[in-house]
Amino acid sequence: MNWNLILNFTRQDLIDRHSASMLGAAWTFILPLINILIFTLVFSSIMGMRLGGLGQDLGPWGYSVYLVSGLLAWNCFSATLTRITQVFHEKAHLIGKVRMSLWSLPLYVVLSETVHYLIATGFFMIFLIAIGFNFTWSLLWWIPIFLCQQLLAYALGITCAILSVFMRDIKEVVGVVVQFWFWLTPIVYVANILPGFIQHLVALNPFYHLVLAYRAALITGQMPNLFAIGVLTLFSLGLLTVSIWVGRRLERDIRDFL
């Protein structure tokens, strides 16, 4: 694994993202704030009254805290997944010229999206401090939860990246799935407003357990469900192992197709 190459790709990705715009890197800060503001304004009056089901009185900023804690994680996860899906195509001009591992290449996407997540989370923490939010040490659970989240995104992304080499429609399929996946996850709504049988279906959604873990650590100050996080971690490691094994057997074909 060539870490110097991966870190250089990460740096260049952060530079190139908004390099042609007048505000440049400022968009890295502006876009997350705009996204969060829109969702908060649209749903706060509708959903704010339903937060009592959490057993927490979060005050007038309750819905904002509830929403953003899940939305930041989802934005990072979905961006990582969709970008890794296309990474072989985007770097096809380099893959044939530079000696590199196809399976470590997507790590620059993971690192780049992690930087954006940390920036957005930094704004969120400043907001929480400003409203006098009561932090607990449980917030440190966000670190292993985030690592599990990005491992899942990496494993799914590698799988889709391999498939996209042979089936170009995978990019569009992933885009549609991510849209449905977002609304099947209780990010902008509270899960207890759903009918009972749908709640059981939503519980099969892996990101549902990640969102619950983030909110348990932040809002209720509790330890997240470590069993669910452990299962997701093992699933992600298993999927990643299988995908890399299959990818190595098809590596010559992958390089030829690219």
C-alpha atoms as a PDB file:
ATOM      1  CA  MET A   1       0.000   0.000   0.000  1.00  0.00           C
ATOM      2  CA  ASN A   2       1.515   3.322  -1.113  1.00  0.00           C
ATOM      3  CA  TRP A   3       0.457   5.776   1.606  1.00  0.00           C
ATOM      4  CA  ASN A   4       2.325   8.688   0.029  1.00  0.00           C
ATOM      5  CA  LEU A   5       0.278   8.241  -3.143  1.00  0.00           C
ATOM      6  CA  ILE A   6      -2.992   7.898  -1.204  1.00  0.00           C
ATOM      7  CA  LEU A   7      -2.304  11.021   0.876  1.00  0.00           C
ATOM      8  CA  ASN A   8      -1.387  12.945  -2.268  1.00  0.00           C
ATOM      9  CA  PHE A   9      -4.670  11.881  -3.897  1.00  0.00           C
ATOM     10  CA  THR A  10      -6.518  12.978  -0.740  1.00  0.00           C
ATOM     11  CA  ARG A  11      -4.832  16.379  -0.749  1.00  0.00           C
ATOM     12  CA  GLN A  12      -5.509  16.889  -4.450  1.00  0.00           C
ATOM     13  CA  ASP A  13      -9.132  15.814  -4.044  1.00  0.00           C
ATOM     14  CA  LEU A  14      -9.680  18.424  -1.340  1.00  0.00           C
ATOM     15  CA  ILE A  15      -8.051  21.082  -3.520  1.00  0.00           C
ATOM     16  CA  ASP A  16      -9.840  20.168  -6.753  1.00  0.00           C
ATOM     17  CA  ARG A  17     -13.351  19.873  -5.338  1.00  0.00           C
ATOM     18  CA  HIS A  18     -14.122  23.608  -5.573  1.00  0.00           C
ATOM     19  CA  SER A  19     -10.965  24.918  -7.236  1.00  0.00           C
ATOM     20  CA  ALA A  20     -12.824  26.453 -10.196  1.00  0.00           C
ATOM     21  CA  SER A  21     -15.303  28.427  -8.071  1.00  0.00           C
ATOM     22  CA  MET A  22     -14.867  31.987  -6.804  1.00  0.00           C
ATOM     23  CA  LEU A  23     -15.244  31.016  -3.155  1.00  0.00           C
ATOM     24  CA  GLY A  24     -12.998  27.983  -3.522  1.00  0.00           C
ATOM     25  CA  ALA A  25     -12.490  26.021  -0.312  1.00  0.00           C
ATOM     26  CA  ALA A  26     -15.156  28.101   1.455  1.00  0.00           C
ATOM     27  CA  TRP A  27     -17.775  25.879  -0.189  1.00  0.00           C
ATOM     28  CA  THR A  28     -16.472  23.037   1.956  1.00  0.00           C
ATOM     29  CA  PHE A  29     -17.910  24.945   4.914  1.00  0.00           C
ATOM     30  CA  ILE A  30     -20.912  26.598   3.245  1.00  0.00           C
ATOM     31  CA  LEU A  31     -22.577  23.569   1.638  1.00  0.00           C
ATOM     32  CA  PRO A  32     -22.955  21.463   4.814  1.00  0.00           C
ATOM     33  CA  LEU A  33     -24.391  24.460   6.654  1.00  0.00           C
ATOM     34  CA  ILE A  34     -26.924  25.186   3.892  1.00  0.00           C
ATOM     35  CA  ASN A  35     -27.992  21.548   3.749  1.00  0.00           C
ATOM     36  CA  ILE A  36     -28.478  21.369   7.509  1.00  0.00           C
ATOM     37  CA  LEU A  37     -30.353  24.691   7.586  1.00  0.00           C
ATOM     38  CA  ILE A  38     -32.827  23.622   4.871  1.00  0.00           C
ATOM     39  CA  PHE A  39     -33.709  20.350   6.571  1.00  0.00           C
ATOM     40  CA  THR A  40     -34.034  22.038   9.947  1.00  0.00           C
ATOM     41  CA  LEU A  41     -36.367  24.783   8.675  1.00  0.00           C
ATOM     42  CA  VAL A  42     -38.556  22.383   6.686  1.00  0.00           C
ATOM     43  CA  PHE A  43     -39.016  19.695   9.302  1.00  0.00           C
ATOM     44  CA  SER A  44     -38.567  21.388  12.675  1.00  0.00           C
ATOM     45  CA  SER A  45     -42.192  22.501  13.049  1.00  0.00           C
ATOM     46  CA  ILE A  46     -43.474  19.119  11.830  1.00  0.00           C
ATOM     47  CA  MET A  47     -41.214  16.752  13.724  1.00  0.00           C
ATOM     48  CA  GLY A  48     -40.147  18.733  16.763  1.00  0.00           C
ATOM     49  CA  MET A  49     -43.263  17.801  18.699  1.00  0.00           C
ATOM     50  CA  ARG A  50     -42.560  14.087  18.207  1.00  0.00           C
ATOM     51  CA  LEU A  51     -39.222  14.096  20.007  1.00  0.00           C
ATOM     52  CA  GLY A  52     -40.910  13.378  23.305  1.00  0.00           C
ATOM     53  CA  GLY A  53     -40.748   9.735  22.319  1.00  0.00           C
ATOM     54  CA  LEU A  54     -37.017   9.834  22.984  1.00  0.00           C
ATOM     55  CA  GLY A  55     -37.579  10.377  26.677  1.00  0.00           C
ATOM     56  CA  GLN A  56     -35.484  13.576  26.477  1.00  0.00           C
ATOM     57  CA  ASP A  57     -36.490  17.187  26.784  1.00  0.00           C
ATOM     58  CA  LEU A  58     -34.048  18.748  24.332  1.00  0.00           C
ATOM     59  CA  GLY A  59     -35.576  22.218  24.466  1.00  0.00           C
ATOM     60  CA  PRO A  60     -36.243  24.506  21.471  1.00  0.00           C
ATOM     61  CA  TRP A  61     -33.145  23.215  19.672  1.00  0.00           C
ATOM     62  CA  GLY A  62     -34.104  19.572  20.155  1.00  0.00           C
ATOM     63  CA  TYR A  63     -34.965  18.775  16.562  1.00  0.00           C
ATOM     64  CA  SER A  64     -31.841  20.479  15.240  1.00  0.00           C
ATOM     65  CA  VAL A  65     -29.670  18.301  17.487  1.00  0.00           C
ATOM     66  CA  TYR A  66     -31.652  15.191  16.579  1.00  0.00           C
ATOM     67  CA  LEU A  67     -31.504  15.877  12.835  1.00  0.00           C
ATOM     68  CA  VAL A  68     -27.927  17.007  12.442  1.00  0.00           C
ATOM     69  CA  SER A  69     -26.462  14.159  14.503  1.00  0.00           C
ATOM     70  CA  GLY A  70     -27.818  11.736  11.911  1.00  0.00           C
ATOM     71  CA  LEU A  71     -27.577  13.907   8.805  1.00  0.00           C
ATOM     72  CA  LEU A  72     -23.851  14.599   9.082  1.00  0.00           C
ATOM     73  CA  ALA A  73     -23.096  10.902   9.364  1.00  0.00           C
ATOM     74  CA  TRP A  74     -25.369  10.034   6.438  1.00  0.00           C
ATOM     75  CA  ASN A  75     -23.871  12.692   4.162  1.00  0.00           C
ATOM     76  CA  CYS A  76     -20.388  11.340   4.813  1.00  0.00           C
ATOM     77  CA  PHE A  77     -21.448   7.715   4.371  1.00  0.00           C
ATOM     78  CA  SER A  78     -23.416   8.245   1.155  1.00  0.00           C
ATOM     79  CA  ALA A  79     -20.718  10.444  -0.414  1.00  0.00           C
ATOM     80  CA  THR A  80     -18.035   7.881   0.417  1.00  0.00           C
ATOM     81  CA  LEU A  81     -20.083   5.024  -1.033  1.00  0.00           C
ATOM     82  CA  THR A  82     -21.113   6.759  -4.262  1.00  0.00           C
ATOM     83  CA  ARG A  83     -17.639   8.169  -4.948  1.00  0.00           C
ATOM     84  CA  ILE A  84     -15.831   4.875  -4.351  1.00  0.00           C
ATOM     85  CA  THR A  85     -18.253   3.223  -6.779  1.00  0.00           C
ATOM     86  CA  GLN A  86     -16.770   5.333  -9.590  1.00  0.00           C
ATOM     87  CA  VAL A  87     -13.174   5.565  -8.375  1.00  0.00           C
ATOM     88  CA  PHE A  88     -11.745   3.059 -10.901  1.00  0.00           C
ATOM     89  CA  HIS A  89     -13.281   4.991 -13.779  1.00  0.00           C
ATOM     90  CA  GLU A  90     -12.140   8.355 -12.437  1.00  0.00           C
ATOM     91  CA  LYS A  91      -8.550   7.150 -11.993  1.00  0.00           C
ATOM     92  CA  ALA A  92      -8.459   4.912 -15.081  1.00  0.00           C
ATOM     93  CA  HIS A  93      -5.904   7.211 -16.746  1.00  0.00           C
ATOM     94  CA  LEU A  94      -3.518   6.632 -13.824  1.00  0.00           C
ATOM     95  CA  ILE A  95      -4.158   2.975 -13.081  1.00  0.00           C
ATOM     96  CA  GLY A  96      -2.437   1.897 -16.257  1.00  0.00           C
ATOM     97  CA  LYS A  97       0.539   4.219 -15.734  1.00  0.00           C
ATOM     98  CA  VAL A  98       1.236   4.148 -11.977  1.00  0.00           C
ATOM     99  CA  ARG A  99       1.916   0.976 -10.051  1.00  0.00           C
ATOM    100  CA  MET A 100      -0.744   0.916  -7.338  1.00  0.00           C
ATOM    101  CA  SER A 101      -3.062  -1.423  -5.484  1.00  0.00           C
ATOM    102  CA  LEU A 102      -6.607  -1.193  -6.803  1.00  0.00           C
ATOM    103  CA  TRP A 103      -7.954  -2.023  -3.358  1.00  0.00           C
ATOM    104  CA  SER A 104      -6.101   0.651  -1.418  1.00  0.00           C
ATOM    105  CA  LEU A 105      -6.763   3.343  -4.055  1.00  0.00           C
ATOM    106  CA  PRO A 106     -10.288   4.181  -2.761  1.00  0.00           C
ATOM    107  CA  LEU A 107      -8.852   5.013   0.661  1.00  0.00           C
ATOM    108  CA  TYR A 108      -8.209   8.560  -0.528  1.00  0.00           C
ATOM    109  CA  VAL A 109     -11.986   8.994  -0.925  1.00  0.00           C
ATOM    110  CA  VAL A 110     -12.525   7.734   2.630  1.00  0.00           C
ATOM    111  CA  LEU A 111      -9.921  10.173   3.967  1.00  0.00           C
ATOM    112  CA  SER A 112     -11.224  13.110   1.934  1.00  0.00           C
ATOM    113  CA  GLU A 113     -14.825  12.592   3.039  1.00  0.00           C
ATOM    114  CA  THR A 114     -13.640  12.136   6.623  1.00  0.00           C
ATOM    115  CA  VAL A 115     -12.006  15.582   6.497  1.00  0.00           C
ATOM    116  CA  HIS A 116     -15.285  17.102   5.309  1.00  0.00           C
ATOM    117  CA  TYR A 117     -17.164  15.259   8.048  1.00  0.00           C
ATOM    118  CA  LEU A 118     -14.780  16.576  10.708  1.00  0.00           C
ATOM    119  CA  ILE A 119     -15.222  20.134   9.423  1.00  0.00           C
ATOM    120  CA  ALA A 120     -19.020  19.871   9.487  1.00  0.00           C
ATOM    121  CA  THR A 121     -18.949  18.167  12.899  1.00  0.00           C
ATOM    122  CA  GLY A 122     -16.731  20.959  14.188  1.00  0.00           C
ATOM    123  CA  PHE A 123     -19.454  23.481  13.256  1.00  0.00           C
ATOM    124  CA  PHE A 124     -22.024  21.250  14.943  1.00  0.00           C
ATOM    125  CA  MET A 125     -19.999  21.097  18.158  1.00  0.00           C
ATOM    126  CA  ILE A 126     -19.653  24.905  18.163  1.00  0.00           C
ATOM    127  CA  PHE A 127     -23.442  25.136  17.787  1.00  0.00           C
ATOM    128  CA  LEU A 128     -23.962  22.716  20.693  1.00  0.00           C
ATOM    129  CA  ILE A 129     -21.598  24.707  22.907  1.00  0.00           C
ATOM    130  CA  ALA A 130     -23.427  27.930  21.954  1.00  0.00           C
ATOM    131  CA  ILE A 131     -26.815  26.548  23.042  1.00  0.00           C
ATOM    132  CA  GLY A 132     -25.378  25.189  26.284  1.00  0.00           C
ATOM    133  CA  PHE A 133     -25.718  21.520  25.398  1.00  0.00           C
ATOM    134  CA  ASN A 134     -24.766  19.125  28.205  1.00  0.00           C
ATOM    135  CA  PHE A 135     -21.949  16.910  26.871  1.00  0.00           C
ATOM    136  CA  THR A 136     -21.042  13.589  28.438  1.00  0.00           C
ATOM    137  CA  TRP A 137     -18.083  11.248  27.996  1.00  0.00           C
ATOM    138  CA  SER A 138     -20.367   8.991  25.956  1.00  0.00           C
ATOM    139  CA  LEU A 139     -19.693  11.297  23.026  1.00  0.00           C
ATOM    140  CA  LEU A 140     -16.347   9.498  22.627  1.00  0.00           C
ATOM    141  CA  TRP A 141     -18.313   6.520  21.292  1.00  0.00           C
ATOM    142  CA  TRP A 142     -18.686   8.545  18.090  1.00  0.00           C
ATOM    143  CA  ILE A 143     -15.127   7.553  17.160  1.00  0.00           C
ATOM    144  CA  PRO A 144     -15.673   3.753  16.896  1.00  0.00           C
ATOM    145  CA  ILE A 145     -19.158   4.324  15.449  1.00  0.00           C
ATOM    146  CA  PHE A 146     -17.685   6.511  12.706  1.00  0.00           C
ATOM    147  CA  LEU A 147     -14.947   3.974  11.981  1.00  0.00           C
ATOM    148  CA  CYS A 148     -17.594   1.260  11.629  1.00  0.00           C
ATOM    149  CA  GLN A 149     -19.611   3.537   9.321  1.00  0.00           C
ATOM    150  CA  GLN A 150     -16.677   4.254   7.021  1.00  0.00           C
ATOM    151  CA  LEU A 151     -15.631   0.607   6.980  1.00  0.00           C
ATOM    152  CA  LEU A 152     -19.139  -0.282   5.795  1.00  0.00           C
ATOM    153  CA  ALA A 153     -19.020   2.458   3.127  1.00  0.00           C
ATOM    154  CA  TYR A 154     -15.585   1.252   1.987  1.00  0.00           C
ATOM    155  CA  ALA A 155     -16.668  -2.394   1.774  1.00  0.00           C
ATOM    156  CA  LEU A 156     -19.869  -1.594  -0.128  1.00  0.00           C
ATOM    157  CA  GLY A 157     -18.015   0.886  -2.329  1.00  0.00           C
ATOM    158  CA  ILE A 158     -15.306  -1.612  -3.302  1.00  0.00           C
ATOM    159  CA  THR A 159     -17.988  -4.174  -4.166  1.00  0.00           C
ATOM    160  CA  CYS A 160     -19.867  -1.684  -6.346  1.00  0.00           C
ATOM    161  CA  ALA A 161     -16.628  -0.389  -7.913  1.00  0.00           C
ATOM    162  CA  ILE A 162     -15.741  -3.888  -9.118  1.00  0.00           C
ATOM    163  CA  LEU A 163     -19.239  -4.415 -10.499  1.00  0.00           C
ATOM    164  CA  SER A 164     -19.236  -0.992 -12.195  1.00  0.00           C
ATOM    165  CA  VAL A 165     -16.233  -1.969 -14.320  1.00  0.00           C
ATOM    166  CA  PHE A 166     -18.305  -4.656 -16.033  1.00  0.00           C
ATOM    167  CA  MET A 167     -21.770  -3.061 -15.640  1.00  0.00           C
ATOM    168  CA  ARG A 168     -21.735   0.696 -16.224  1.00  0.00           C
ATOM    169  CA  ASP A 169     -25.285   1.101 -14.916  1.00  0.00           C
ATOM    170  CA  ILE A 170     -24.112   0.374 -11.362  1.00  0.00           C
ATOM    171  CA  LYS A 171     -23.427   4.093 -10.836  1.00  0.00           C
ATOM    172  CA  GLU A 172     -27.075   4.956 -11.524  1.00  0.00           C
ATOM    173  CA  VAL A 173     -28.342   1.985  -9.494  1.00  0.00           C
ATOM    174  CA  VAL A 174     -26.278   3.051  -6.484  1.00  0.00           C
ATOM    175  CA  GLY A 175     -27.604   6.616  -6.813  1.00  0.00           C
ATOM    176  CA  VAL A 176     -31.211   5.394  -6.728  1.00  0.00           C
ATOM    177  CA  VAL A 177     -30.565   2.970  -3.855  1.00  0.00           C
ATOM    178  CA  VAL A 178     -28.912   5.709  -1.795  1.00  0.00           C
ATOM    179  CA  GLN A 179     -31.950   7.951  -2.271  1.00  0.00           C
ATOM    180  CA  PHE A 180     -34.327   5.245  -1.068  1.00  0.00           C
ATOM    181  CA  TRP A 181     -31.917   4.264   1.708  1.00  0.00           C
ATOM    182  CA  PHE A 182     -31.957   7.803   3.079  1.00  0.00           C
ATOM    183  CA  TRP A 183     -35.722   7.840   3.483  1.00  0.00           C
ATOM    184  CA  LEU A 184     -35.747   4.328   4.949  1.00  0.00           C
ATOM    185  CA  THR A 185     -33.491   5.599   7.735  1.00  0.00           C
ATOM    186  CA  PRO A 186     -34.990   7.700  10.570  1.00  0.00           C
ATOM    187  CA  ILE A 187     -32.814  10.749  10.018  1.00  0.00           C
ATOM    188  CA  VAL A 188     -35.386  13.484   9.393  1.00  0.00           C
ATOM    189  CA  TYR A 189     -38.214  11.681  11.175  1.00  0.00           C
ATOM    190  CA  VAL A 190     -38.689   9.716  14.380  1.00  0.00           C
ATOM    191  CA  ALA A 191     -39.001   5.947  13.890  1.00  0.00           C
ATOM    192  CA  ASN A 192     -41.916   5.610  16.320  1.00  0.00           C
ATOM    193  CA  ILE A 193     -44.246   7.483  13.944  1.00  0.00           C
ATOM    194  CA  LEU A 194     -44.101   4.473  11.596  1.00  0.00           C
ATOM    195  CA  PRO A 195     -46.524   1.522  11.779  1.00  0.00           C
ATOM    196  CA  GLY A 196     -45.224  -1.402  13.816  1.00  0.00           C
ATOM    197  CA  PHE A 197     -44.502  -3.738  10.906  1.00  0.00           C
ATOM    198  CA  ILE A 198     -42.562  -1.024   9.063  1.00  0.00           C
ATOM    199  CA  GLN A 199     -40.497  -0.354  12.174  1.00  0.00           C
ATOM    200  CA  HIS A 200     -39.434  -4.012  12.105  1.00  0.00           C
ATOM    201  CA  LEU A 201     -38.395  -3.631   8.447  1.00  0.00           C
ATOM    202  CA  VAL A 202     -36.493  -0.429   9.166  1.00  0.00           C
ATOM    203  CA  ALA A 203     -34.607  -2.289  11.919  1.00  0.00           C
ATOM    204  CA  LEU A 204     -33.030  -4.435   9.164  1.00  0.00           C
ATOM    205  CA  ASN A 205     -31.418  -1.300   7.749  1.00  0.00           C
ATOM    206  CA  PRO A 206     -27.729  -1.263   8.838  1.00  0.00           C
ATOM    207  CA  PHE A 207     -27.521   2.523   8.909  1.00  0.00           C
ATOM    208  CA  TYR A 208     -30.519   2.608  11.263  1.00  0.00           C
ATOM    209  CA  HIS A 209     -28.318   1.091  13.964  1.00  0.00           C
ATOM    210  CA  LEU A 210     -25.530   3.570  13.276  1.00  0.00           C
ATOM    211  CA  VAL A 211     -27.932   6.505  13.627  1.00  0.00           C
ATOM    212  CA  LEU A 212     -29.287   5.070  16.877  1.00  0.00           C
ATOM    213  CA  ALA A 213     -25.730   4.683  18.144  1.00  0.00           C
ATOM    214  CA  TYR A 214     -24.791   8.279  17.312  1.00  0.00           C
ATOM    215  CA  ARG A 215     -27.891   9.633  19.037  1.00  0.00           C
ATOM    216  CA  ALA A 216     -27.550   7.366  22.070  1.00  0.00           C
ATOM    217  CA  ALA A 217     -23.999   8.627  22.621  1.00  0.00           C
ATOM    218  CA  LEU A 218     -24.877  12.296  22.097  1.00  0.00           C
ATOM    219  CA  ILE A 219     -28.478  12.874  23.157  1.00  0.00           C
ATOM    220  CA  THR A 220     -29.112  10.343  25.920  1.00  0.00           C
ATOM    221  CA  GLY A 221     -25.488   9.956  27.026  1.00  0.00           C
ATOM    222  CA  GLN A 222     -25.723   6.175  26.859  1.00  0.00           C
ATOM    223  CA  MET A 223     -23.495   3.440  25.536  1.00  0.00           C
ATOM    224  CA  PRO A 224     -24.611   2.445  22.020  1.00  0.00           C
ATOM    225  CA  ASN A 225     -25.732  -1.062  21.158  1.00  0.00           C
ATOM    226  CA  LEU A 226     -22.304  -2.670  20.905  1.00  0.00           C
ATOM    227  CA  PHE A 227     -23.767  -5.930  19.610  1.00  0.00           C
ATOM    228  CA  ALA A 228     -25.262  -4.161  16.571  1.00  0.00           C
ATOM    229  CA  ILE A 229     -22.043  -2.225  15.947  1.00  0.00           C
ATOM    230  CA  GLY A 230     -20.028  -5.433  16.287  1.00  0.00           C
ATOM    231  CA  VAL A 231     -22.245  -7.288  13.818  1.00  0.00           C
ATOM    232  CA  LEU A 232     -21.951  -4.426  11.314  1.00  0.00           C
ATOM    233  CA  THR A 233     -18.182  -4.400  11.703  1.00  0.00           C
ATOM    234  CA  LEU A 234     -17.913  -8.157  11.131  1.00  0.00           C
ATOM    235  CA  PHE A 235     -20.271  -7.938   8.144  1.00  0.00           C
ATOM    236  CA  SER A 236     -18.210  -5.111   6.631  1.00  0.00           C
ATOM    237  CA  LEU A 237     -14.932  -6.975   7.150  1.00  0.00           C
ATOM    238  CA  GLY A 238     -16.421 -10.129   5.632  1.00  0.00           C
ATOM    239  CA  LEU A 239     -17.803  -8.265   2.607  1.00  0.00           C
ATOM    240  CA  LEU A 240     -14.502  -6.423   2.110  1.00  0.00           C
ATOM    241  CA  THR A 241     -12.524  -9.664   2.300  1.00  0.00           C
ATOM    242  CA  VAL A 242     -14.747 -11.416  -0.234  1.00  0.00           C
ATOM    243  CA  SER A 243     -14.777  -8.406  -2.579  1.00  0.00           C
ATOM    244  CA  ILE A 244     -10.985  -8.048  -2.560  1.00  0.00           C
ATOM    245  CA  TRP A 245     -10.570 -11.806  -3.076  1.00  0.00           C
ATOM    246  CA  VAL A 246     -12.918 -11.728  -6.088  1.00  0.00           C
ATOM    247  CA  GLY A 247     -11.330  -8.511  -7.324  1.00  0.00           C
ATOM    248  CA  ARG A 248      -7.839  -9.980  -7.275  1.00  0.00           C
ATOM    249  CA  ARG A 249      -8.999 -12.939  -9.344  1.00  0.00           C
ATOM    250  CA  LEU A 250     -10.511 -10.497 -11.836  1.00  0.00           C
ATOM    251  CA  GLU A 251      -7.783  -7.851 -11.598  1.00  0.00           C
ATOM    252  CA  ARG A 252      -6.364  -8.473 -15.065  1.00  0.00           C
ATOM    253  CA  ASP A 253      -9.853  -8.188 -16.591  1.00  0.00           C
ATOM    254  CA  ILE A 254     -10.555  -5.056 -14.558  1.00  0.00           C
ATOM    255  CA  ARG A 255      -7.397  -3.354 -15.809  1.00  0.00           C
ATOM    256  CA  ASP A 256      -8.166  -4.426 -19.399  1.00  0.00           C
ATOM    257  CA  PHE A 257     -11.737  -3.075 -19.236  1.00  0.00           C
ATOM    258  CA  LEU A 258     -10.529   0.234 -17.824  1.00  0.00           C
END
